Amino acid sequence: MDRDLEIVKARDLLRETISRLDAVLWARDFETRRLLYMSEGAGKVFGVTREEAARMSSFAHIVHPEDAAAVAETIYSGNPEMVEFRIVHPISGEIRWIQTNIRPEADETGRIRVVHGISIDVTNRKLPEEFMKAQNEVLKLIALGKPLSEVLGKIAEQTNLNMPGRVCSILLVDTEQRMFMQGASPGFPDIYHKTMLSKSIDGLKSPEAMAVKGKKPVVLSDIGGEATDEMPTFAQVACAFGLKSAYVWPIFSVIGMLSPLLRSIPNSAGNRQEMKGKWSRPLPA
């Protein structure tokens, strides 16, 4: 009886210890790939509850599309493996890096029946690595003498890649600060460029134009609500493209030119709290 009680206590202690870890333990049937077990860390690591995990069984929908095939191949390779991959967090929408260690379990005949894994979030370690990688790619383009448009395109592309749900546009300003010129706006519709480029900045009603004229950052927290009356053309283009909010940051170069950076931000409750206030109220310089 005492032995049984000790076993129960040991199990409870183990369960409590696992629940406090920023890690998730899981097991899957090797043949059917059905989820057999998942610890309480699922919420911390994958953004789902154990109940949701049991109901969905598969996490393919949150694995980054570029990593999905390699992850599945590694998990079911039948060998002890370690794999790092990206997920799109189902709640925040941000990219998170996950490291998973995999150990297969075979029966007495040597046939693999179960795959055990432990997954932890390693985003804080991976992000500096990804930043350095992106920075090196940009520096390589500069060293090779690539056109400015290609360099700026790489910067915008890397921003979009590492910040899902957001799009980055870099617009150049002519030396007299009278009009915008093409910089890099991957993924933006043609109508955006037709609206913004080669037109007098003084005549434009947009946050980009305000940032240039005011030489200060501008935040537009609700494009549909705040910009419709005062910036109808911009609001129409932005809303049609699915942009909810935006901020523009003017960057001064060493020769005095000005380049605004526009990044759209999903209109979540958290962002509204963070950026409350009218678009005409610029951030501190």
C-alpha atoms as a PDB file:
ATOM      1  CA  MET A   1       0.000   0.000   0.000  1.00  0.00           C
ATOM      2  CA  ASP A   2       2.811   2.400   0.932  1.00  0.00           C
ATOM      3  CA  ARG A   3       4.581   1.528  -2.316  1.00  0.00           C
ATOM      4  CA  ASP A   4       1.459   2.363  -4.325  1.00  0.00           C
ATOM      5  CA  LEU A   5       1.177   5.677  -2.501  1.00  0.00           C
ATOM      6  CA  GLU A   6       4.809   6.485  -3.263  1.00  0.00           C
ATOM      7  CA  ILE A   7       4.223   5.729  -6.946  1.00  0.00           C
ATOM      8  CA  VAL A   8       1.215   8.047  -7.011  1.00  0.00           C
ATOM      9  CA  LYS A   9       3.208  10.814  -5.311  1.00  0.00           C
ATOM     10  CA  ALA A  10       6.083  10.350  -7.745  1.00  0.00           C
ATOM     11  CA  ARG A  11       3.707  10.587 -10.714  1.00  0.00           C
ATOM     12  CA  ASP A  12       2.093  13.728  -9.304  1.00  0.00           C
ATOM     13  CA  LEU A  13       5.499  15.295  -8.726  1.00  0.00           C
ATOM     14  CA  LEU A  14       6.602  14.446 -12.258  1.00  0.00           C
ATOM     15  CA  ARG A  15       3.375  15.843 -13.703  1.00  0.00           C
ATOM     16  CA  GLU A  16       3.762  19.045 -11.677  1.00  0.00           C
ATOM     17  CA  THR A  17       7.393  19.428 -12.759  1.00  0.00           C
ATOM     18  CA  ILE A  18       6.541  18.947 -16.432  1.00  0.00           C
ATOM     19  CA  SER A  19       3.672  21.449 -16.239  1.00  0.00           C
ATOM     20  CA  ARG A  20       6.053  24.135 -14.972  1.00  0.00           C
ATOM     21  CA  LEU A  21       8.561  23.694 -17.786  1.00  0.00           C
ATOM     22  CA  ASP A  22       8.562  25.971 -20.839  1.00  0.00           C
ATOM     23  CA  ALA A  23       8.555  22.808 -22.897  1.00  0.00           C
ATOM     24  CA  VAL A  24       6.031  20.313 -24.206  1.00  0.00           C
ATOM     25  CA  LEU A  25       6.366  16.535 -24.124  1.00  0.00           C
ATOM     26  CA  TRP A  26       4.397  14.579 -26.690  1.00  0.00           C
ATOM     27  CA  ALA A  27       4.015  11.131 -28.238  1.00  0.00           C
ATOM     28  CA  ARG A  28       2.580  10.044 -31.587  1.00  0.00           C
ATOM     29  CA  ASP A  29       1.662   6.738 -33.142  1.00  0.00           C
ATOM     30  CA  PHE A  30       4.384   6.115 -35.722  1.00  0.00           C
ATOM     31  CA  GLU A  31       2.085   4.518 -38.303  1.00  0.00           C
ATOM     32  CA  THR A  32      -1.105   6.570 -38.000  1.00  0.00           C
ATOM     33  CA  ARG A  33       0.629   9.748 -36.750  1.00  0.00           C
ATOM     34  CA  ARG A  34      -2.181  10.132 -34.227  1.00  0.00           C
ATOM     35  CA  LEU A  35      -1.371  12.204 -31.163  1.00  0.00           C
ATOM     36  CA  LEU A  36      -1.207   9.928 -28.106  1.00  0.00           C
ATOM     37  CA  TYR A  37      -0.082  12.356 -25.432  1.00  0.00           C
ATOM     38  CA  MET A  38       0.798  16.010 -24.962  1.00  0.00           C
ATOM     39  CA  SER A  39       1.845  17.773 -21.763  1.00  0.00           C
ATOM     40  CA  GLU A  40       0.429  21.030 -20.461  1.00  0.00           C
ATOM     41  CA  GLY A  41       3.290  22.988 -22.028  1.00  0.00           C
ATOM     42  CA  ALA A  42       1.408  22.939 -25.336  1.00  0.00           C
ATOM     43  CA  GLY A  43      -0.042  26.365 -24.609  1.00  0.00           C
ATOM     44  CA  LYS A  44       3.339  27.942 -23.849  1.00  0.00           C
ATOM     45  CA  VAL A  45       5.118  26.448 -26.849  1.00  0.00           C
ATOM     46  CA  PHE A  46       2.494  25.971 -29.567  1.00  0.00           C
ATOM     47  CA  GLY A  47      -0.267  28.334 -28.455  1.00  0.00           C
ATOM     48  CA  VAL A  48      -2.887  25.578 -28.116  1.00  0.00           C
ATOM     49  CA  THR A  49      -4.417  23.804 -25.134  1.00  0.00           C
ATOM     50  CA  ARG A  50      -4.094  20.078 -24.547  1.00  0.00           C
ATOM     51  CA  GLU A  51      -7.780  19.727 -25.448  1.00  0.00           C
ATOM     52  CA  GLU A  52      -7.284  21.545 -28.737  1.00  0.00           C
ATOM     53  CA  ALA A  53      -4.211  19.434 -29.422  1.00  0.00           C
ATOM     54  CA  ALA A  54      -6.169  16.223 -28.837  1.00  0.00           C
ATOM     55  CA  ARG A  55      -8.989  17.410 -31.069  1.00  0.00           C
ATOM     56  CA  MET A  56      -6.768  18.561 -33.943  1.00  0.00           C
ATOM     57  CA  SER A  57      -4.105  15.860 -33.533  1.00  0.00           C
ATOM     58  CA  SER A  58      -2.049  17.507 -36.306  1.00  0.00           C
ATOM     59  CA  PHE A  59      -0.151  20.790 -35.984  1.00  0.00           C
ATOM     60  CA  ALA A  60       0.557  21.105 -39.685  1.00  0.00           C
ATOM     61  CA  HIS A  61      -1.534  24.285 -39.889  1.00  0.00           C
ATOM     62  CA  ILE A  62       0.768  26.230 -37.541  1.00  0.00           C
ATOM     63  CA  VAL A  63       4.097  24.993 -38.957  1.00  0.00           C
ATOM     64  CA  HIS A  64       5.600  27.515 -41.369  1.00  0.00           C
ATOM     65  CA  PRO A  65       4.814  26.346 -44.939  1.00  0.00           C
ATOM     66  CA  GLU A  66       8.497  26.408 -45.882  1.00  0.00           C
ATOM     67  CA  ASP A  67       9.363  24.046 -43.016  1.00  0.00           C
ATOM     68  CA  ALA A  68       6.369  21.693 -42.968  1.00  0.00           C
ATOM     69  CA  ALA A  69       7.672  18.971 -45.311  1.00  0.00           C
ATOM     70  CA  ALA A  70      11.108  18.785 -43.672  1.00  0.00           C
ATOM     71  CA  VAL A  71       9.576  18.624 -40.179  1.00  0.00           C
ATOM     72  CA  ALA A  72       7.278  15.731 -41.060  1.00  0.00           C
ATOM     73  CA  GLU A  73      10.110  13.862 -42.762  1.00  0.00           C
ATOM     74  CA  THR A  74      12.391  14.287 -39.745  1.00  0.00           C
ATOM     75  CA  ILE A  75       9.819  13.302 -37.119  1.00  0.00           C
ATOM     76  CA  TYR A  76       8.918  10.093 -38.926  1.00  0.00           C
ATOM     77  CA  SER A  77      12.397   9.169 -40.135  1.00  0.00           C
ATOM     78  CA  GLY A  78      12.587   6.386 -37.553  1.00  0.00           C
ATOM     79  CA  ASN A  79      15.852   7.752 -36.139  1.00  0.00           C
ATOM     80  CA  PRO A  80      16.727   9.882 -33.113  1.00  0.00           C
ATOM     81  CA  GLU A  81      16.742  13.418 -34.480  1.00  0.00           C
ATOM     82  CA  MET A  82      16.859  17.078 -33.522  1.00  0.00           C
ATOM     83  CA  VAL A  83      15.023  19.578 -35.735  1.00  0.00           C
ATOM     84  CA  GLU A  84      14.488  23.335 -35.561  1.00  0.00           C
ATOM     85  CA  PHE A  85      11.571  24.864 -37.385  1.00  0.00           C
ATOM     86  CA  ARG A  86       9.255  27.841 -37.446  1.00  0.00           C
ATOM     87  CA  ILE A  87       5.622  28.079 -36.472  1.00  0.00           C
ATOM     88  CA  VAL A  88       3.096  30.864 -37.017  1.00  0.00           C
ATOM     89  CA  HIS A  89       1.708  31.333 -33.519  1.00  0.00           C
ATOM     90  CA  PRO A  90      -2.086  30.799 -33.741  1.00  0.00           C
ATOM     91  CA  ILE A  91      -2.844  33.586 -31.254  1.00  0.00           C
ATOM     92  CA  SER A  92      -0.271  36.326 -31.877  1.00  0.00           C
ATOM     93  CA  GLY A  93       0.476  35.517 -35.522  1.00  0.00           C
ATOM     94  CA  GLU A  94       4.196  35.975 -34.917  1.00  0.00           C
ATOM     95  CA  ILE A  95       6.924  33.668 -36.140  1.00  0.00           C
ATOM     96  CA  ARG A  96       8.317  31.467 -33.343  1.00  0.00           C
ATOM     97  CA  TRP A  97      11.262  29.070 -33.545  1.00  0.00           C
ATOM     98  CA  ILE A  98      10.794  25.604 -32.065  1.00  0.00           C
ATOM     99  CA  GLN A  99      13.485  23.028 -31.303  1.00  0.00           C
ATOM    100  CA  THR A 100      12.288  19.423 -31.066  1.00  0.00           C
ATOM    101  CA  ASN A 101      14.229  16.356 -29.971  1.00  0.00           C
ATOM    102  CA  ILE A 102      12.756  13.088 -31.265  1.00  0.00           C
ATOM    103  CA  ARG A 103      13.215   9.539 -30.005  1.00  0.00           C
ATOM    104  CA  PRO A 104      11.472   6.562 -31.649  1.00  0.00           C
ATOM    105  CA  GLU A 105      10.254   3.623 -29.525  1.00  0.00           C
ATOM    106  CA  ALA A 106      10.284   0.109 -31.001  1.00  0.00           C
ATOM    107  CA  ASP A 107       8.571  -3.072 -29.803  1.00  0.00           C
ATOM    108  CA  GLU A 108      10.274  -6.402 -29.122  1.00  0.00           C
ATOM    109  CA  THR A 109      10.339  -7.187 -32.861  1.00  0.00           C
ATOM    110  CA  GLY A 110      12.180  -3.965 -33.652  1.00  0.00           C
ATOM    111  CA  ARG A 111       9.156  -2.347 -35.271  1.00  0.00           C
ATOM    112  CA  ILE A 112       8.745   1.335 -34.399  1.00  0.00           C
ATOM    113  CA  ARG A 113       5.410   1.947 -32.694  1.00  0.00           C
ATOM    114  CA  VAL A 114       5.676   5.369 -31.049  1.00  0.00           C
ATOM    115  CA  VAL A 115       7.598   8.588 -31.603  1.00  0.00           C
ATOM    116  CA  HIS A 116       8.392  10.593 -28.459  1.00  0.00           C
ATOM    117  CA  GLY A 117       9.354  14.241 -28.588  1.00  0.00           C
ATOM    118  CA  ILE A 118      10.159  17.233 -26.437  1.00  0.00           C
ATOM    119  CA  SER A 119       9.723  20.689 -27.942  1.00  0.00           C
ATOM    120  CA  ILE A 120      10.950  24.023 -26.610  1.00  0.00           C
ATOM    121  CA  ASP A 121      10.704  27.593 -27.861  1.00  0.00           C
ATOM    122  CA  VAL A 122      14.151  28.841 -28.928  1.00  0.00           C
ATOM    123  CA  THR A 123      13.022  32.094 -30.544  1.00  0.00           C
ATOM    124  CA  ASN A 124      15.176  34.264 -28.288  1.00  0.00           C
ATOM    125  CA  ARG A 125      18.250  32.404 -29.513  1.00  0.00           C
ATOM    126  CA  LYS A 126      17.254  32.136 -33.165  1.00  0.00           C
ATOM    127  CA  LEU A 127      16.151  35.716 -33.827  1.00  0.00           C
ATOM    128  CA  PRO A 128      19.648  37.223 -33.471  1.00  0.00           C
ATOM    129  CA  GLU A 129      20.931  34.464 -35.761  1.00  0.00           C
ATOM    130  CA  GLU A 130      18.229  35.219 -38.356  1.00  0.00           C
ATOM    131  CA  PHE A 131      18.925  38.941 -38.067  1.00  0.00           C
ATOM    132  CA  MET A 132      22.635  38.398 -38.706  1.00  0.00           C
ATOM    133  CA  LYS A 133      21.825  36.137 -41.642  1.00  0.00           C
ATOM    134  CA  ALA A 134      19.540  38.747 -43.191  1.00  0.00           C
ATOM    135  CA  GLN A 135      22.087  41.492 -42.531  1.00  0.00           C
ATOM    136  CA  ASN A 136      24.820  39.467 -44.222  1.00  0.00           C
ATOM    137  CA  GLU A 137      22.608  38.933 -47.263  1.00  0.00           C
ATOM    138  CA  VAL A 138      22.083  42.688 -47.564  1.00  0.00           C
ATOM    139  CA  LEU A 139      25.802  43.422 -47.101  1.00  0.00           C
ATOM    140  CA  LYS A 140      26.641  40.845 -49.757  1.00  0.00           C
ATOM    141  CA  LEU A 141      24.388  42.615 -52.259  1.00  0.00           C
ATOM    142  CA  ILE A 142      26.082  45.918 -51.444  1.00  0.00           C
ATOM    143  CA  ALA A 143      29.559  44.382 -51.803  1.00  0.00           C
ATOM    144  CA  LEU A 144      28.595  42.950 -55.198  1.00  0.00           C
ATOM    145  CA  GLY A 145      27.505  46.379 -56.367  1.00  0.00           C
ATOM    146  CA  LYS A 146      23.869  45.394 -56.872  1.00  0.00           C
ATOM    147  CA  PRO A 147      21.338  48.135 -57.707  1.00  0.00           C
ATOM    148  CA  LEU A 148      19.850  50.069 -54.810  1.00  0.00           C
ATOM    149  CA  SER A 149      16.387  48.750 -55.682  1.00  0.00           C
ATOM    150  CA  GLU A 150      17.612  45.178 -55.167  1.00  0.00           C
ATOM    151  CA  VAL A 151      19.221  46.038 -51.815  1.00  0.00           C
ATOM    152  CA  LEU A 152      16.092  47.793 -50.559  1.00  0.00           C
ATOM    153  CA  GLY A 153      13.980  44.931 -51.874  1.00  0.00           C
ATOM    154  CA  LYS A 154      15.971  42.468 -49.778  1.00  0.00           C
ATOM    155  CA  ILE A 155      15.476  44.600 -46.656  1.00  0.00           C
ATOM    156  CA  ALA A 156      11.716  44.792 -47.217  1.00  0.00           C
ATOM    157  CA  GLU A 157      11.542  41.090 -48.060  1.00  0.00           C
ATOM    158  CA  GLN A 158      13.325  40.099 -44.852  1.00  0.00           C
ATOM    159  CA  THR A 159      11.058  42.392 -42.827  1.00  0.00           C
ATOM    160  CA  ASN A 160       7.958  40.766 -44.303  1.00  0.00           C
ATOM    161  CA  LEU A 161       9.398  37.301 -43.744  1.00  0.00           C
ATOM    162  CA  ASN A 162      10.152  37.843 -40.073  1.00  0.00           C
ATOM    163  CA  MET A 163       7.004  39.810 -39.268  1.00  0.00           C
ATOM    164  CA  PRO A 164       3.983  37.884 -40.591  1.00  0.00           C
ATOM    165  CA  GLY A 165       0.791  39.872 -40.908  1.00  0.00           C
ATOM    166  CA  ARG A 166       2.762  42.994 -41.739  1.00  0.00           C
ATOM    167  CA  VAL A 167       4.031  44.424 -45.006  1.00  0.00           C
ATOM    168  CA  CYS A 168       6.950  46.761 -45.433  1.00  0.00           C
ATOM    169  CA  SER A 169       7.353  49.513 -48.002  1.00  0.00           C
ATOM    170  CA  ILE A 170      10.454  51.669 -48.390  1.00  0.00           C
ATOM    171  CA  LEU A 171       9.932  54.823 -50.428  1.00  0.00           C
ATOM    172  CA  LEU A 172      12.712  57.143 -51.500  1.00  0.00           C
ATOM    173  CA  VAL A 173      12.347  60.910 -51.614  1.00  0.00           C
ATOM    174  CA  ASP A 174      13.945  63.103 -54.255  1.00  0.00           C
ATOM    175  CA  THR A 175      16.743  65.444 -53.155  1.00  0.00           C
ATOM    176  CA  GLU A 176      14.406  68.440 -52.937  1.00  0.00           C
ATOM    177  CA  GLN A 177      11.824  66.401 -50.986  1.00  0.00           C
ATOM    178  CA  ARG A 178       9.101  67.163 -53.516  1.00  0.00           C
ATOM    179  CA  MET A 179       8.007  63.657 -54.519  1.00  0.00           C
ATOM    180  CA  PHE A 180       8.335  59.960 -53.713  1.00  0.00           C
ATOM    181  CA  MET A 181      10.375  57.645 -55.895  1.00  0.00           C
ATOM    182  CA  GLN A 182      10.260  53.883 -56.108  1.00  0.00           C
ATOM    183  CA  GLY A 183      12.193  52.149 -53.352  1.00  0.00           C
ATOM    184  CA  ALA A 184      10.896  48.698 -52.516  1.00  0.00           C
ATOM    185  CA  SER A 185       7.327  47.633 -51.821  1.00  0.00           C
ATOM    186  CA  PRO A 186       7.130  43.854 -52.386  1.00  0.00           C
ATOM    187  CA  GLY A 187       3.562  42.609 -52.325  1.00  0.00           C
ATOM    188  CA  PHE A 188       1.946  46.043 -52.558  1.00  0.00           C
ATOM    189  CA  PRO A 189      -0.654  46.464 -55.340  1.00  0.00           C
ATOM    190  CA  ASP A 190       0.077  48.581 -58.399  1.00  0.00           C
ATOM    191  CA  ILE A 191      -2.579  51.094 -57.365  1.00  0.00           C
ATOM    192  CA  TYR A 192      -0.497  51.903 -54.281  1.00  0.00           C
ATOM    193  CA  HIS A 193       2.453  52.893 -56.453  1.00  0.00           C
ATOM    194  CA  LYS A 194       0.246  54.868 -58.852  1.00  0.00           C
ATOM    195  CA  THR A 195      -1.178  56.768 -55.892  1.00  0.00           C
ATOM    196  CA  MET A 196       2.146  57.535 -54.227  1.00  0.00           C
ATOM    197  CA  LEU A 197       4.882  57.827 -56.850  1.00  0.00           C
ATOM    198  CA  SER A 198       5.957  60.784 -58.978  1.00  0.00           C
ATOM    199  CA  LYS A 199       3.391  63.114 -57.432  1.00  0.00           C
ATOM    200  CA  SER A 200       3.883  66.237 -55.378  1.00  0.00           C
ATOM    201  CA  ILE A 201       4.268  65.371 -51.702  1.00  0.00           C
ATOM    202  CA  ASP A 202       2.525  68.648 -50.820  1.00  0.00           C
ATOM    203  CA  GLY A 203      -0.582  67.435 -52.628  1.00  0.00           C
ATOM    204  CA  LEU A 204      -0.619  63.951 -51.109  1.00  0.00           C
ATOM    205  CA  LYS A 205      -2.819  63.142 -48.146  1.00  0.00           C
ATOM    206  CA  SER A 206      -1.133  60.120 -46.609  1.00  0.00           C
ATOM    207  CA  PRO A 207       0.879  59.276 -43.485  1.00  0.00           C
ATOM    208  CA  GLU A 208       3.997  58.961 -45.639  1.00  0.00           C
ATOM    209  CA  ALA A 209       3.610  62.540 -46.877  1.00  0.00           C
ATOM    210  CA  MET A 210       2.948  63.767 -43.342  1.00  0.00           C
ATOM    211  CA  ALA A 211       6.125  62.090 -42.089  1.00  0.00           C
ATOM    212  CA  VAL A 212       8.190  63.760 -44.794  1.00  0.00           C
ATOM    213  CA  LYS A 213       6.709  67.216 -44.304  1.00  0.00           C
ATOM    214  CA  GLY A 214       6.760  67.021 -40.518  1.00  0.00           C
ATOM    215  CA  LYS A 215      10.062  65.139 -40.336  1.00  0.00           C
ATOM    216  CA  LYS A 216       8.570  63.035 -37.537  1.00  0.00           C
ATOM    217  CA  PRO A 217       7.141  59.507 -37.222  1.00  0.00           C
ATOM    218  CA  VAL A 218       3.413  59.201 -37.838  1.00  0.00           C
ATOM    219  CA  VAL A 219       1.103  56.499 -36.475  1.00  0.00           C
ATOM    220  CA  LEU A 220      -2.214  55.602 -38.085  1.00  0.00           C
ATOM    221  CA  SER A 221      -3.897  53.257 -35.633  1.00  0.00           C
ATOM    222  CA  ASP A 222      -7.178  52.722 -37.521  1.00  0.00           C
ATOM    223  CA  ILE A 223      -6.997  53.350 -41.245  1.00  0.00           C
ATOM    224  CA  GLY A 224     -10.675  52.700 -41.870  1.00  0.00           C
ATOM    225  CA  GLY A 225     -11.878  54.922 -39.041  1.00  0.00           C
ATOM    226  CA  GLU A 226      -9.343  57.731 -38.865  1.00  0.00           C
ATOM    227  CA  ALA A 227      -8.186  58.153 -42.449  1.00  0.00           C
ATOM    228  CA  THR A 228     -11.426  57.853 -44.436  1.00  0.00           C
ATOM    229  CA  ASP A 229     -12.346  61.552 -44.301  1.00  0.00           C
ATOM    230  CA  GLU A 230      -8.931  63.171 -44.240  1.00  0.00           C
ATOM    231  CA  MET A 231      -7.054  60.728 -46.506  1.00  0.00           C
ATOM    232  CA  PRO A 232      -9.751  59.110 -48.679  1.00  0.00           C
ATOM    233  CA  THR A 233      -7.475  57.848 -51.467  1.00  0.00           C
ATOM    234  CA  PHE A 234      -4.935  56.357 -49.109  1.00  0.00           C
ATOM    235  CA  ALA A 235      -7.675  54.791 -46.972  1.00  0.00           C
ATOM    236  CA  GLN A 236      -9.318  53.236 -50.032  1.00  0.00           C
ATOM    237  CA  VAL A 237      -6.063  51.715 -51.263  1.00  0.00           C
ATOM    238  CA  ALA A 238      -4.961  50.527 -47.811  1.00  0.00           C
ATOM    239  CA  CYS A 239      -8.290  48.953 -46.862  1.00  0.00           C
ATOM    240  CA  ALA A 240      -8.597  47.226 -50.240  1.00  0.00           C
ATOM    241  CA  PHE A 241      -5.188  45.697 -49.584  1.00  0.00           C
ATOM    242  CA  GLY A 242      -6.252  44.562 -46.119  1.00  0.00           C
ATOM    243  CA  LEU A 243      -4.152  47.062 -44.159  1.00  0.00           C
ATOM    244  CA  LYS A 244      -5.653  47.984 -40.801  1.00  0.00           C
ATOM    245  CA  SER A 245      -3.067  50.298 -39.330  1.00  0.00           C
ATOM    246  CA  ALA A 246       0.339  51.689 -40.147  1.00  0.00           C
ATOM    247  CA  TYR A 247       3.282  53.644 -38.919  1.00  0.00           C
ATOM    248  CA  VAL A 248       5.759  55.649 -40.912  1.00  0.00           C
ATOM    249  CA  TRP A 249       9.290  56.335 -39.768  1.00  0.00           C
ATOM    250  CA  PRO A 250      11.311  58.947 -41.690  1.00  0.00           C
ATOM    251  CA  ILE A 251      14.995  58.106 -42.003  1.00  0.00           C
ATOM    252  CA  PHE A 252      17.513  60.862 -42.676  1.00  0.00           C
ATOM    253  CA  SER A 253      20.493  59.919 -44.790  1.00  0.00           C
ATOM    254  CA  VAL A 254      23.955  61.447 -44.565  1.00  0.00           C
ATOM    255  CA  ILE A 255      23.238  63.649 -47.592  1.00  0.00           C
ATOM    256  CA  GLY A 256      19.985  64.977 -46.233  1.00  0.00           C
ATOM    257  CA  MET A 257      17.517  62.858 -48.198  1.00  0.00           C
ATOM    258  CA  LEU A 258      14.504  61.455 -46.431  1.00  0.00           C
ATOM    259  CA  SER A 259      13.137  57.942 -46.762  1.00  0.00           C
ATOM    260  CA  PRO A 260       9.953  56.900 -44.977  1.00  0.00           C
ATOM    261  CA  LEU A 261       9.401  53.304 -43.948  1.00  0.00           C
ATOM    262  CA  LEU A 262       5.802  52.132 -43.862  1.00  0.00           C
ATOM    263  CA  ARG A 263       4.831  48.985 -42.054  1.00  0.00           C
ATOM    264  CA  SER A 264       1.233  47.879 -41.647  1.00  0.00           C
ATOM    265  CA  ILE A 265       0.133  46.380 -38.348  1.00  0.00           C
ATOM    266  CA  PRO A 266      -2.842  44.037 -37.819  1.00  0.00           C
ATOM    267  CA  ASN A 267      -5.610  45.899 -36.049  1.00  0.00           C
ATOM    268  CA  SER A 268      -5.759  43.827 -32.866  1.00  0.00           C
ATOM    269  CA  ALA A 269      -6.946  45.021 -29.479  1.00  0.00           C
ATOM    270  CA  GLY A 270      -3.368  44.976 -28.237  1.00  0.00           C
ATOM    271  CA  ASN A 271      -2.176  47.225 -31.046  1.00  0.00           C
ATOM    272  CA  ARG A 272      -5.039  49.665 -30.509  1.00  0.00           C
ATOM    273  CA  GLN A 273      -4.042  49.952 -26.864  1.00  0.00           C
ATOM    274  CA  GLU A 274      -0.397  50.419 -27.776  1.00  0.00           C
ATOM    275  CA  MET A 275      -1.020  53.060 -30.441  1.00  0.00           C
ATOM    276  CA  LYS A 276      -4.115  54.860 -29.212  1.00  0.00           C
ATOM    277  CA  GLY A 277      -4.415  58.425 -30.420  1.00  0.00           C
ATOM    278  CA  LYS A 278      -5.085  60.118 -33.724  1.00  0.00           C
ATOM    279  CA  TRP A 279      -2.887  59.679 -36.759  1.00  0.00           C
ATOM    280  CA  SER A 280      -2.125  63.384 -36.769  1.00  0.00           C
ATOM    281  CA  ARG A 281      -0.410  63.027 -33.426  1.00  0.00           C
ATOM    282  CA  PRO A 282       3.209  62.108 -34.305  1.00  0.00           C
ATOM    283  CA  LEU A 283       5.403  60.067 -32.050  1.00  0.00           C
ATOM    284  CA  PRO A 284       8.188  61.868 -30.204  1.00  0.00           C
ATOM    285  CA  ALA A 285      11.219  62.431 -32.410  1.00  0.00           C
END
